[in-house]
Amino acid sequence: MSTDTVTRTSAHVVPPLPYAESTLAPIISANTIAFHYGKHHKGYVENLNKLVAGTEYAEMTLEKIIAATVGKVDKIPIFNNAAQTWNHTFYWSSLTPKGGGEPPAALKKQILTSFGTLDACKKELATAATTQFGSGWAWLVLDGNKIKVVKTGNADSPLAKGLKPLLTIDVWEHAYYLDYQNRRADYVTAVLDKLINWSFAADNLG
């Protein structure tokens, strides 16, 4: 999934996973994917479609809905479900079987410029993911010409802050609790070492 806006003419749908449910195991089990993707992500999409039906948001893309509803108290349910729909689709693409390793050359060059080393970048991502209080997300983003790490709570997204997401790690409990219980740090470390999709981040960097 790219961050580009596309024209939408029908109800939002849950996009196919980029891989089979079992292929992220043993880092993330098929059981976790079945609940996370098959229940939680699907639920956000279904709720969003109900909330926007017959409204000014009905034919908008997710990106436009997020931009139009952020910070509006009376639109919080729409924002939350639109942002969570977008965040989750982006998260699935941020993971890949046999991920981790070295980023593509152009991305690595930018990471070295922004963080000094790849390990420093990964450490900052891990810190953001493990210190996010409660539910939320850790993101690698492009802010102008610099790559940064940010974290957001609940459904919030860098899109709402004018930042360009490159990849994300979901730290809502439903992302890891069946496999890791309260060991969020172990989940985050395993994702960064074995599943993180640097090629996806490189594509988003452009």
N, C-alpha and C. Protein backbone atom coordinates (compact mmCIF):
# COMPACT_ATOMS: atom_id res chain seq x y z
N MET A 1 0.84 -1.20 0.00
CA MET A 1 0.00 0.00 0.00
C MET A 1 0.87 1.24 0.00
N SER A 2 0.65 2.12 -0.92
CA SER A 2 1.39 3.36 -0.93
C SER A 2 0.61 4.41 -0.17
N THR A 3 1.25 5.54 0.04
CA THR A 3 0.57 6.64 0.72
C THR A 3 -0.15 7.55 -0.27
N ASP A 4 -0.14 7.19 -1.54
CA ASP A 4 -0.80 8.01 -2.55
C ASP A 4 -2.31 7.87 -2.46
N THR A 5 -3.01 8.94 -2.78
CA THR A 5 -4.46 8.94 -2.79
C THR A 5 -4.95 8.45 -4.15
N VAL A 6 -5.95 7.60 -4.12
CA VAL A 6 -6.54 7.11 -5.35
C VAL A 6 -8.03 7.37 -5.32
N THR A 7 -8.64 7.38 -6.49
CA THR A 7 -10.08 7.61 -6.58
C THR A 7 -10.82 6.38 -6.09
N ARG A 8 -11.87 6.61 -5.31
CA ARG A 8 -12.64 5.50 -4.76
C ARG A 8 -14.10 5.68 -5.13
N THR A 9 -14.72 4.62 -5.60
CA THR A 9 -16.11 4.72 -6.03
C THR A 9 -17.01 3.69 -5.36
N SER A 10 -16.50 2.95 -4.38
CA SER A 10 -17.32 1.95 -3.72
C SER A 10 -16.91 1.86 -2.26
N ALA A 11 -17.62 1.00 -1.53
CA ALA A 11 -17.35 0.85 -0.10
C ALA A 11 -15.92 0.36 0.11
N HIS A 12 -15.36 0.74 1.24
CA HIS A 12 -14.01 0.28 1.59
C HIS A 12 -14.04 -1.24 1.82
N VAL A 13 -12.96 -1.88 1.46
CA VAL A 13 -12.84 -3.33 1.61
C VAL A 13 -11.55 -3.65 2.35
N VAL A 14 -11.48 -4.84 2.91
CA VAL A 14 -10.24 -5.32 3.52
C VAL A 14 -9.37 -5.86 2.39
N PRO A 15 -8.22 -5.27 2.14
CA PRO A 15 -7.38 -5.76 1.04
C PRO A 15 -6.76 -7.10 1.40
N PRO A 16 -6.42 -7.89 0.41
CA PRO A 16 -5.78 -9.18 0.69
C PRO A 16 -4.46 -8.98 1.42
N LEU A 17 -4.12 -9.92 2.28
CA LEU A 17 -2.80 -9.90 2.89
C LEU A 17 -1.74 -10.08 1.80
N PRO A 18 -0.56 -9.49 1.98
CA PRO A 18 0.51 -9.66 0.98
C PRO A 18 1.16 -11.04 1.04
N TYR A 19 0.71 -11.90 1.95
CA TYR A 19 1.31 -13.21 2.16
C TYR A 19 0.26 -14.09 2.83
N ALA A 20 0.53 -15.39 2.89
CA ALA A 20 -0.38 -16.31 3.57
C ALA A 20 -0.33 -16.10 5.08
N GLU A 21 -1.42 -16.40 5.77
CA GLU A 21 -1.51 -16.16 7.22
C GLU A 21 -0.41 -16.87 8.00
N SER A 22 0.08 -17.99 7.49
CA SER A 22 1.05 -18.79 8.23
C SER A 22 2.50 -18.41 7.99
N THR A 23 2.76 -17.52 7.03
CA THR A 23 4.14 -17.33 6.59
C THR A 23 4.96 -16.38 7.47
N LEU A 24 4.33 -15.73 8.44
CA LEU A 24 5.10 -14.90 9.37
C LEU A 24 5.50 -15.68 10.62
N ALA A 25 5.01 -16.91 10.74
CA ALA A 25 5.37 -17.77 11.87
C ALA A 25 6.84 -18.17 11.76
N PRO A 26 7.52 -18.38 12.89
CA PRO A 26 6.99 -18.38 14.26
C PRO A 26 6.98 -17.00 14.94
N ILE A 27 7.39 -15.96 14.24
CA ILE A 27 7.44 -14.63 14.87
C ILE A 27 6.02 -14.16 15.19
N ILE A 28 5.14 -14.24 14.20
CA ILE A 28 3.72 -13.94 14.39
C ILE A 28 2.94 -15.14 13.88
N SER A 29 2.16 -15.75 14.74
CA SER A 29 1.48 -17.00 14.39
C SER A 29 0.28 -16.77 13.48
N ALA A 30 -0.11 -17.83 12.78
CA ALA A 30 -1.31 -17.78 11.96
C ALA A 30 -2.53 -17.48 12.82
N ASN A 31 -2.53 -17.94 14.06
CA ASN A 31 -3.64 -17.68 14.97
C ASN A 31 -3.78 -16.18 15.25
N THR A 32 -2.65 -15.52 15.49
CA THR A 32 -2.69 -14.07 15.70
C THR A 32 -3.17 -13.35 14.44
N ILE A 33 -2.66 -13.74 13.28
CA ILE A 33 -3.08 -13.10 12.03
C ILE A 33 -4.58 -13.30 11.81
N ALA A 34 -5.07 -14.49 12.11
CA ALA A 34 -6.49 -14.78 11.90
C ALA A 34 -7.37 -13.83 12.70
N PHE A 35 -6.98 -13.56 13.94
CA PHE A 35 -7.76 -12.63 14.77
C PHE A 35 -7.49 -11.18 14.39
N HIS A 36 -6.24 -10.84 14.22
CA HIS A 36 -5.85 -9.45 13.98
C HIS A 36 -6.38 -8.96 12.63
N TYR A 37 -6.09 -9.73 11.59
CA TYR A 37 -6.52 -9.36 10.25
C TYR A 37 -8.00 -9.72 10.03
N GLY A 38 -8.35 -10.93 10.42
CA GLY A 38 -9.69 -11.44 10.12
C GLY A 38 -10.80 -10.87 10.98
N LYS A 39 -10.47 -10.38 12.17
CA LYS A 39 -11.49 -9.84 13.08
C LYS A 39 -11.32 -8.33 13.29
N HIS A 40 -10.14 -7.92 13.79
CA HIS A 40 -9.94 -6.51 14.14
C HIS A 40 -9.93 -5.61 12.89
N HIS A 41 -9.07 -5.93 11.94
CA HIS A 41 -8.99 -5.10 10.73
C HIS A 41 -10.33 -5.10 10.00
N LYS A 42 -10.91 -6.26 9.85
CA LYS A 42 -12.22 -6.36 9.18
C LYS A 42 -13.26 -5.53 9.90
N GLY A 43 -13.20 -5.54 11.24
CA GLY A 43 -14.17 -4.78 12.02
C GLY A 43 -14.06 -3.29 11.79
N TYR A 44 -12.84 -2.77 11.70
CA TYR A 44 -12.66 -1.34 11.43
C TYR A 44 -13.26 -0.96 10.07
N VAL A 45 -13.04 -1.79 9.07
CA VAL A 45 -13.57 -1.51 7.74
C VAL A 45 -15.10 -1.53 7.75
N GLU A 46 -15.68 -2.52 8.39
CA GLU A 46 -17.13 -2.62 8.44
C GLU A 46 -17.74 -1.45 9.20
N ASN A 47 -17.11 -1.07 10.31
CA ASN A 47 -17.61 0.07 11.08
C ASN A 47 -17.52 1.36 10.28
N LEU A 48 -16.41 1.54 9.57
CA LEU A 48 -16.24 2.74 8.78
C LEU A 48 -17.32 2.85 7.70
N ASN A 49 -17.57 1.77 7.02
CA ASN A 49 -18.58 1.80 5.96
C ASN A 49 -19.95 2.17 6.51
N LYS A 50 -20.27 1.68 7.68
CA LYS A 50 -21.56 2.03 8.31
C LYS A 50 -21.59 3.51 8.69
N LEU A 51 -20.48 4.01 9.23
CA LEU A 51 -20.43 5.39 9.71
C LEU A 51 -20.49 6.41 8.59
N VAL A 52 -19.92 6.09 7.44
CA VAL A 52 -19.85 7.09 6.37
C VAL A 52 -20.98 6.96 5.36
N ALA A 53 -21.75 5.89 5.44
CA ALA A 53 -22.84 5.69 4.47
C ALA A 53 -23.79 6.89 4.48
N GLY A 54 -24.03 7.44 3.30
CA GLY A 54 -24.96 8.56 3.17
C GLY A 54 -24.43 9.90 3.66
N THR A 55 -23.12 9.97 3.96
CA THR A 55 -22.53 11.23 4.44
C THR A 55 -21.62 11.82 3.38
N GLU A 56 -21.06 12.99 3.68
CA GLU A 56 -20.12 13.63 2.76
C GLU A 56 -18.84 12.84 2.59
N TYR A 57 -18.60 11.86 3.49
CA TYR A 57 -17.37 11.08 3.45
C TYR A 57 -17.53 9.78 2.65
N ALA A 58 -18.74 9.52 2.18
CA ALA A 58 -19.04 8.21 1.60
C ALA A 58 -18.17 7.85 0.40
N GLU A 59 -17.80 8.84 -0.41
CA GLU A 59 -17.01 8.55 -1.61
C GLU A 59 -15.56 8.99 -1.48
N MET A 60 -15.14 9.35 -0.27
CA MET A 60 -13.76 9.78 -0.07
C MET A 60 -12.81 8.60 0.12
N THR A 61 -11.56 8.81 -0.24
CA THR A 61 -10.51 7.84 0.08
C THR A 61 -10.24 7.88 1.59
N LEU A 62 -9.57 6.87 2.07
CA LEU A 62 -9.20 6.85 3.49
C LEU A 62 -8.38 8.08 3.86
N GLU A 63 -7.42 8.44 3.00
CA GLU A 63 -6.56 9.57 3.29
C GLU A 63 -7.37 10.86 3.43
N LYS A 64 -8.34 11.04 2.56
CA LYS A 64 -9.16 12.25 2.61
C LYS A 64 -10.07 12.25 3.84
N ILE A 65 -10.59 11.09 4.20
CA ILE A 65 -11.42 11.01 5.40
C ILE A 65 -10.59 11.36 6.63
N ILE A 66 -9.39 10.82 6.72
CA ILE A 66 -8.51 11.11 7.86
C ILE A 66 -8.24 12.61 7.94
N ALA A 67 -7.90 13.22 6.82
CA ALA A 67 -7.59 14.66 6.80
C ALA A 67 -8.81 15.50 7.16
N ALA A 68 -10.00 15.04 6.75
CA ALA A 68 -11.21 15.83 6.95
C ALA A 68 -11.79 15.69 8.36
N THR A 69 -11.40 14.65 9.08
CA THR A 69 -12.02 14.40 10.39
C THR A 69 -11.06 14.55 11.57
N VAL A 70 -9.77 14.66 11.31
CA VAL A 70 -8.81 14.75 12.41
C VAL A 70 -9.09 15.98 13.27
N GLY A 71 -9.12 15.78 14.58
CA GLY A 71 -9.31 16.88 15.52
C GLY A 71 -10.74 17.33 15.69
N LYS A 72 -11.69 16.71 14.99
CA LYS A 72 -13.10 17.08 15.11
C LYS A 72 -13.79 16.15 16.10
N VAL A 73 -14.19 16.70 17.22
CA VAL A 73 -14.74 15.90 18.31
C VAL A 73 -15.94 15.08 17.85
N ASP A 74 -16.78 15.67 17.04
CA ASP A 74 -18.00 14.97 16.61
C ASP A 74 -17.73 13.93 15.53
N LYS A 75 -16.49 13.87 15.04
CA LYS A 75 -16.15 12.91 13.98
C LYS A 75 -15.15 11.86 14.46
N ILE A 76 -14.93 11.79 15.77
CA ILE A 76 -13.94 10.85 16.31
C ILE A 76 -14.17 9.41 15.86
N PRO A 77 -15.40 8.88 15.92
CA PRO A 77 -15.58 7.49 15.47
C PRO A 77 -15.20 7.27 14.01
N ILE A 78 -15.51 8.24 13.15
CA ILE A 78 -15.14 8.11 11.74
C ILE A 78 -13.63 8.15 11.59
N PHE A 79 -12.99 9.13 12.25
CA PHE A 79 -11.52 9.22 12.18
C PHE A 79 -10.88 7.93 12.68
N ASN A 80 -11.31 7.45 13.83
CA ASN A 80 -10.70 6.26 14.42
C ASN A 80 -10.77 5.06 13.49
N ASN A 81 -11.93 4.82 12.91
CA ASN A 81 -12.09 3.64 12.05
C ASN A 81 -11.41 3.82 10.70
N ALA A 82 -11.39 5.04 10.17
CA ALA A 82 -10.66 5.28 8.91
C ALA A 82 -9.16 5.14 9.12
N ALA A 83 -8.66 5.75 10.20
CA ALA A 83 -7.23 5.68 10.48
C ALA A 83 -6.78 4.26 10.79
N GLN A 84 -7.58 3.53 11.55
CA GLN A 84 -7.21 2.15 11.87
C GLN A 84 -7.26 1.26 10.65
N THR A 85 -8.21 1.51 9.75
CA THR A 85 -8.24 0.77 8.49
C THR A 85 -6.97 1.03 7.70
N TRP A 86 -6.58 2.30 7.58
CA TRP A 86 -5.37 2.66 6.85
C TRP A 86 -4.12 2.12 7.55
N ASN A 87 -4.04 2.32 8.86
CA ASN A 87 -2.87 1.89 9.61
C ASN A 87 -2.62 0.40 9.46
N HIS A 88 -3.69 -0.39 9.55
CA HIS A 88 -3.52 -1.83 9.49
C HIS A 88 -3.08 -2.29 8.11
N THR A 89 -3.64 -1.74 7.05
CA THR A 89 -3.21 -2.11 5.72
C THR A 89 -1.73 -1.79 5.54
N PHE A 90 -1.32 -0.64 6.07
CA PHE A 90 0.08 -0.22 5.98
C PHE A 90 0.97 -1.16 6.81
N TYR A 91 0.49 -1.58 7.96
CA TYR A 91 1.25 -2.49 8.82
C TYR A 91 1.51 -3.82 8.14
N TRP A 92 0.49 -4.39 7.50
CA TRP A 92 0.69 -5.70 6.85
C TRP A 92 1.80 -5.61 5.81
N SER A 93 1.86 -4.49 5.09
CA SER A 93 2.91 -4.33 4.08
C SER A 93 4.26 -3.99 4.69
N SER A 94 4.26 -3.55 5.95
CA SER A 94 5.52 -3.26 6.65
C SER A 94 6.22 -4.53 7.12
N LEU A 95 5.54 -5.66 6.98
CA LEU A 95 6.10 -6.96 7.36
C LEU A 95 6.26 -7.82 6.12
N THR A 96 7.21 -8.72 6.15
CA THR A 96 7.38 -9.66 5.06
C THR A 96 8.11 -10.90 5.57
N PRO A 97 7.74 -12.09 5.10
CA PRO A 97 8.50 -13.28 5.48
C PRO A 97 9.97 -13.08 5.10
N LYS A 98 10.87 -13.53 5.92
CA LYS A 98 12.31 -13.40 5.69
C LYS A 98 12.71 -11.93 5.54
N GLY A 99 12.08 -11.09 6.35
CA GLY A 99 12.42 -9.67 6.34
C GLY A 99 13.64 -9.38 7.19
N GLY A 100 13.76 -8.14 7.65
CA GLY A 100 14.94 -7.74 8.41
C GLY A 100 16.13 -7.54 7.49
N GLY A 101 17.30 -7.77 8.02
CA GLY A 101 18.51 -7.64 7.21
C GLY A 101 18.83 -6.20 6.87
N GLU A 102 19.40 -6.01 5.68
CA GLU A 102 19.87 -4.70 5.24
C GLU A 102 18.83 -4.01 4.36
N PRO A 103 18.59 -2.72 4.58
CA PRO A 103 17.69 -1.98 3.69
C PRO A 103 18.31 -1.80 2.31
N PRO A 104 17.49 -1.53 1.28
CA PRO A 104 18.04 -1.17 -0.02
C PRO A 104 18.97 0.04 0.09
N ALA A 105 19.88 0.18 -0.85
CA ALA A 105 20.97 1.14 -0.74
C ALA A 105 20.50 2.58 -0.52
N ALA A 106 19.51 3.03 -1.29
CA ALA A 106 19.06 4.43 -1.18
C ALA A 106 18.47 4.71 0.19
N LEU A 107 17.68 3.75 0.69
CA LEU A 107 17.09 3.92 2.02
C LEU A 107 18.17 3.87 3.09
N LYS A 108 19.10 2.93 2.96
CA LYS A 108 20.16 2.83 3.97
C LYS A 108 20.98 4.12 4.03
N LYS A 109 21.24 4.71 2.88
CA LYS A 109 21.99 5.97 2.86
C LYS A 109 21.26 7.04 3.65
N GLN A 110 19.94 7.13 3.47
CA GLN A 110 19.14 8.11 4.19
C GLN A 110 19.10 7.80 5.69
N ILE A 111 19.01 6.52 6.03
CA ILE A 111 19.02 6.11 7.43
C ILE A 111 20.35 6.49 8.09
N LEU A 112 21.44 6.24 7.40
CA LEU A 112 22.76 6.58 7.96
C LEU A 112 22.90 8.09 8.15
N THR A 113 22.36 8.85 7.21
CA THR A 113 22.41 10.31 7.33
C THR A 113 21.59 10.78 8.53
N SER A 114 20.44 10.15 8.76
CA SER A 114 19.52 10.60 9.80
C SER A 114 19.85 10.04 11.18
N PHE A 115 20.38 8.79 11.25
CA PHE A 115 20.59 8.14 12.54
C PHE A 115 22.04 7.80 12.84
N GLY A 116 22.89 7.83 11.85
CA GLY A 116 24.29 7.45 12.05
C GLY A 116 24.57 6.02 11.68
N THR A 117 23.73 5.08 12.21
CA THR A 117 23.86 3.66 11.89
C THR A 117 22.48 3.04 11.76
N LEU A 118 22.42 1.89 11.10
CA LEU A 118 21.15 1.15 11.01
C LEU A 118 20.73 0.67 12.40
N ASP A 119 21.69 0.23 13.20
CA ASP A 119 21.36 -0.22 14.55
C ASP A 119 20.74 0.89 15.39
N ALA A 120 21.22 2.12 15.21
CA ALA A 120 20.65 3.24 15.94
C ALA A 120 19.22 3.50 15.53
N CYS A 121 18.95 3.34 14.24
CA CYS A 121 17.58 3.49 13.74
C CYS A 121 16.67 2.42 14.33
N LYS A 122 17.12 1.18 14.30
CA LYS A 122 16.33 0.07 14.85
C LYS A 122 16.12 0.24 16.35
N LYS A 123 17.16 0.71 17.04
CA LYS A 123 17.04 0.92 18.49
C LYS A 123 16.00 1.99 18.79
N GLU A 124 15.99 3.05 17.99
CA GLU A 124 15.01 4.12 18.21
C GLU A 124 13.59 3.64 17.92
N LEU A 125 13.44 2.83 16.86
CA LEU A 125 12.14 2.24 16.56
C LEU A 125 11.68 1.34 17.70
N ALA A 126 12.57 0.51 18.20
CA ALA A 126 12.24 -0.39 19.29
C ALA A 126 11.85 0.38 20.54
N THR A 127 12.58 1.44 20.84
CA THR A 127 12.27 2.25 22.01
C THR A 127 10.90 2.90 21.88
N ALA A 128 10.61 3.43 20.69
CA ALA A 128 9.29 4.03 20.48
C ALA A 128 8.18 3.00 20.65
N ALA A 129 8.41 1.80 20.11
CA ALA A 129 7.39 0.76 20.18
C ALA A 129 7.17 0.25 21.60
N THR A 130 8.24 0.13 22.36
CA THR A 130 8.11 -0.44 23.71
C THR A 130 7.70 0.59 24.75
N THR A 131 7.92 1.87 24.47
CA THR A 131 7.56 2.90 25.45
C THR A 131 6.23 3.58 25.14
N GLN A 132 5.60 3.24 24.00
CA GLN A 132 4.27 3.77 23.74
C GLN A 132 3.33 3.25 24.82
N PHE A 133 2.79 4.17 25.62
CA PHE A 133 1.93 3.77 26.73
C PHE A 133 0.57 3.34 26.18
N GLY A 134 0.16 2.13 26.53
CA GLY A 134 -1.11 1.62 26.03
C GLY A 134 -1.01 1.26 24.56
N SER A 135 -2.14 1.36 23.87
CA SER A 135 -2.21 0.96 22.48
C SER A 135 -1.63 2.04 21.56
N GLY A 136 -1.10 1.61 20.42
CA GLY A 136 -0.58 2.59 19.48
C GLY A 136 0.35 1.98 18.45
N TRP A 137 1.21 2.84 17.92
CA TRP A 137 2.04 2.48 16.77
C TRP A 137 3.41 3.16 16.88
N ALA A 138 4.43 2.50 16.35
CA ALA A 138 5.75 3.11 16.15
C ALA A 138 5.96 3.21 14.65
N TRP A 139 6.46 4.36 14.20
CA TRP A 139 6.56 4.63 12.77
C TRP A 139 7.97 5.11 12.39
N LEU A 140 8.39 4.70 11.21
CA LEU A 140 9.51 5.33 10.53
C LEU A 140 8.88 6.26 9.49
N VAL A 141 9.22 7.55 9.55
CA VAL A 141 8.57 8.53 8.69
C VAL A 141 9.60 9.42 8.02
N LEU A 142 9.17 10.06 6.95
CA LEU A 142 9.97 11.09 6.30
C LEU A 142 9.38 12.44 6.67
N ASP A 143 10.21 13.27 7.27
CA ASP A 143 9.81 14.62 7.67
C ASP A 143 10.71 15.60 6.91
N GLY A 144 10.20 16.13 5.81
CA GLY A 144 11.06 16.92 4.93
C GLY A 144 12.07 16.03 4.25
N ASN A 145 13.34 16.26 4.51
CA ASN A 145 14.39 15.42 3.94
C ASN A 145 15.01 14.47 4.96
N LYS A 146 14.44 14.43 6.15
CA LYS A 146 15.02 13.61 7.21
C LYS A 146 14.09 12.47 7.61
N ILE A 147 14.69 11.31 7.83
CA ILE A 147 13.93 10.17 8.33
C ILE A 147 13.90 10.24 9.86
N LYS A 148 12.73 10.07 10.43
CA LYS A 148 12.56 10.13 11.88
C LYS A 148 11.73 8.94 12.37
N VAL A 149 11.78 8.74 13.67
CA VAL A 149 10.91 7.78 14.34
C VAL A 149 9.90 8.56 15.16
N VAL A 150 8.64 8.20 15.03
CA VAL A 150 7.60 8.80 15.86
C VAL A 150 6.70 7.69 16.38
N LYS A 151 5.97 7.97 17.44
CA LYS A 151 4.98 7.03 17.92
C LYS A 151 3.65 7.75 18.04
N THR A 152 2.57 7.00 17.84
CA THR A 152 1.23 7.56 17.95
C THR A 152 0.37 6.66 18.81
N GLY A 153 -0.58 7.25 19.52
CA GLY A 153 -1.47 6.49 20.38
C GLY A 153 -2.75 6.10 19.68
N ASN A 154 -3.28 4.97 20.07
CA ASN A 154 -4.58 4.50 19.59
C ASN A 154 -4.64 4.48 18.06
N ALA A 155 -5.56 5.26 17.44
CA ALA A 155 -5.71 5.23 15.99
C ALA A 155 -4.92 6.31 15.28
N ASP A 156 -4.23 7.16 16.02
CA ASP A 156 -3.58 8.31 15.39
C ASP A 156 -2.55 7.86 14.36
N SER A 157 -2.30 8.72 13.37
CA SER A 157 -1.44 8.38 12.25
C SER A 157 -0.56 9.57 11.89
N PRO A 158 0.66 9.32 11.43
CA PRO A 158 1.50 10.41 10.94
C PRO A 158 0.85 11.20 9.80
N LEU A 159 -0.05 10.55 9.06
CA LEU A 159 -0.75 11.25 7.98
C LEU A 159 -1.45 12.49 8.51
N ALA A 160 -1.98 12.40 9.74
CA ALA A 160 -2.71 13.52 10.33
C ALA A 160 -1.77 14.63 10.78
N LYS A 161 -0.47 14.36 10.76
CA LYS A 161 0.52 15.34 11.20
C LYS A 161 1.37 15.87 10.05
N GLY A 162 0.99 15.50 8.83
CA GLY A 162 1.73 15.97 7.67
C GLY A 162 3.04 15.26 7.43
N LEU A 163 3.22 14.09 8.02
CA LEU A 163 4.44 13.29 7.84
C LEU A 163 4.17 12.16 6.84
N LYS A 164 5.22 11.69 6.19
CA LYS A 164 5.07 10.60 5.22
C LYS A 164 5.51 9.28 5.85
N PRO A 165 4.57 8.37 6.12
CA PRO A 165 4.95 7.09 6.71
C PRO A 165 5.78 6.23 5.76
N LEU A 166 6.79 5.58 6.32
CA LEU A 166 7.63 4.65 5.54
C LEU A 166 7.35 3.21 5.95
N LEU A 167 7.20 2.96 7.23
CA LEU A 167 6.78 1.65 7.75
C LEU A 167 6.28 1.82 9.16
N THR A 168 5.61 0.79 9.69
CA THR A 168 5.08 0.89 11.05
C THR A 168 5.13 -0.45 11.77
N ILE A 169 5.12 -0.38 13.10
CA ILE A 169 4.98 -1.56 13.96
C ILE A 169 3.76 -1.33 14.84
N ASP A 170 2.83 -2.24 14.79
CA ASP A 170 1.60 -2.16 15.59
C ASP A 170 1.90 -2.66 17.00
N VAL A 171 1.61 -1.84 18.00
CA VAL A 171 1.82 -2.29 19.39
C VAL A 171 0.52 -2.30 20.19
N TRP A 172 -0.62 -2.35 19.48
CA TRP A 172 -1.85 -2.71 20.18
C TRP A 172 -1.68 -4.15 20.69
N GLU A 173 -2.28 -4.46 21.82
CA GLU A 173 -2.08 -5.79 22.39
C GLU A 173 -2.55 -6.91 21.46
N HIS A 174 -3.57 -6.64 20.66
CA HIS A 174 -4.06 -7.72 19.79
C HIS A 174 -3.03 -8.09 18.72
N ALA A 175 -2.01 -7.25 18.53
CA ALA A 175 -0.97 -7.56 17.54
C ALA A 175 0.00 -8.64 18.02
N TYR A 176 0.09 -8.80 19.33
CA TYR A 176 1.13 -9.71 19.83
C TYR A 176 0.73 -10.57 21.03
N TYR A 177 -0.39 -10.31 21.68
CA TYR A 177 -0.63 -10.92 22.98
C TYR A 177 -0.83 -12.44 22.92
N LEU A 178 -1.42 -12.96 21.86
CA LEU A 178 -1.60 -14.41 21.77
C LEU A 178 -0.25 -15.13 21.70
N ASP A 179 0.75 -14.47 21.12
CA ASP A 179 2.07 -15.09 20.96
C ASP A 179 3.06 -14.72 22.07
N TYR A 180 2.96 -13.51 22.59
CA TYR A 180 3.99 -13.00 23.51
C TYR A 180 3.45 -12.57 24.87
N GLN A 181 2.14 -12.62 25.06
CA GLN A 181 1.53 -12.13 26.29
C GLN A 181 2.03 -10.70 26.58
N ASN A 182 2.60 -10.46 27.74
CA ASN A 182 3.02 -9.09 28.09
C ASN A 182 4.44 -8.75 27.63
N ARG A 183 5.05 -9.61 26.84
CA ARG A 183 6.44 -9.40 26.42
C ARG A 183 6.49 -8.61 25.10
N ARG A 184 6.02 -7.37 25.17
CA ARG A 184 5.99 -6.54 23.96
C ARG A 184 7.39 -6.36 23.37
N ALA A 185 8.38 -6.20 24.21
CA ALA A 185 9.74 -5.97 23.72
C ALA A 185 10.24 -7.14 22.89
N ASP A 186 9.89 -8.37 23.28
CA ASP A 186 10.32 -9.54 22.51
C ASP A 186 9.68 -9.54 21.13
N TYR A 187 8.40 -9.19 21.08
CA TYR A 187 7.69 -9.08 19.80
C TYR A 187 8.34 -8.04 18.90
N VAL A 188 8.62 -6.88 19.46
CA VAL A 188 9.20 -5.79 18.68
C VAL A 188 10.58 -6.17 18.15
N THR A 189 11.41 -6.75 19.00
CA THR A 189 12.75 -7.16 18.58
C THR A 189 12.69 -8.19 17.46
N ALA A 190 11.79 -9.16 17.60
CA ALA A 190 11.66 -10.21 16.59
C ALA A 190 11.18 -9.64 15.26
N VAL A 191 10.23 -8.71 15.31
CA VAL A 191 9.75 -8.08 14.08
C VAL A 191 10.87 -7.32 13.39
N LEU A 192 11.62 -6.54 14.15
CA LEU A 192 12.71 -5.75 13.55
C LEU A 192 13.82 -6.64 13.00
N ASP A 193 14.09 -7.75 13.64
CA ASP A 193 15.18 -8.63 13.21
C ASP A 193 14.78 -9.55 12.06
N LYS A 194 13.49 -9.96 12.01
CA LYS A 194 13.11 -11.05 11.11
C LYS A 194 12.02 -10.71 10.10
N LEU A 195 11.21 -9.69 10.37
CA LEU A 195 10.04 -9.45 9.52
C LEU A 195 9.96 -8.07 8.89
N ILE A 196 10.69 -7.10 9.40
CA ILE A 196 10.48 -5.72 8.92
C ILE A 196 10.81 -5.62 7.43
N ASN A 197 9.96 -4.92 6.70
CA ASN A 197 10.06 -4.88 5.24
C ASN A 197 10.73 -3.59 4.80
N TRP A 198 12.05 -3.60 4.76
CA TRP A 198 12.79 -2.42 4.37
C TRP A 198 12.52 -2.02 2.92
N SER A 199 12.22 -2.99 2.07
CA SER A 199 11.93 -2.68 0.67
C SER A 199 10.66 -1.85 0.54
N PHE A 200 9.66 -2.15 1.38
CA PHE A 200 8.42 -1.37 1.39
C PHE A 200 8.72 0.06 1.81
N ALA A 201 9.56 0.22 2.84
CA ALA A 201 9.94 1.56 3.28
C ALA A 201 10.68 2.30 2.18
N ALA A 202 11.55 1.60 1.47
CA ALA A 202 12.29 2.21 0.37
C ALA A 202 11.35 2.67 -0.74
N ASP A 203 10.35 1.87 -1.05
CA ASP A 203 9.36 2.25 -2.07
C ASP A 203 8.62 3.51 -1.65
N ASN A 204 8.27 3.60 -0.37
CA ASN A 204 7.56 4.78 0.12
C ASN A 204 8.46 6.02 0.17
N LEU A 205 9.76 5.79 0.37
CA LEU A 205 10.70 6.90 0.36
C LEU A 205 10.74 7.55 -1.02
N GLY A 206 10.60 6.73 -2.06
CA GLY A 206 10.56 7.25 -3.44
C GLY A 206 11.93 7.50 -4.01
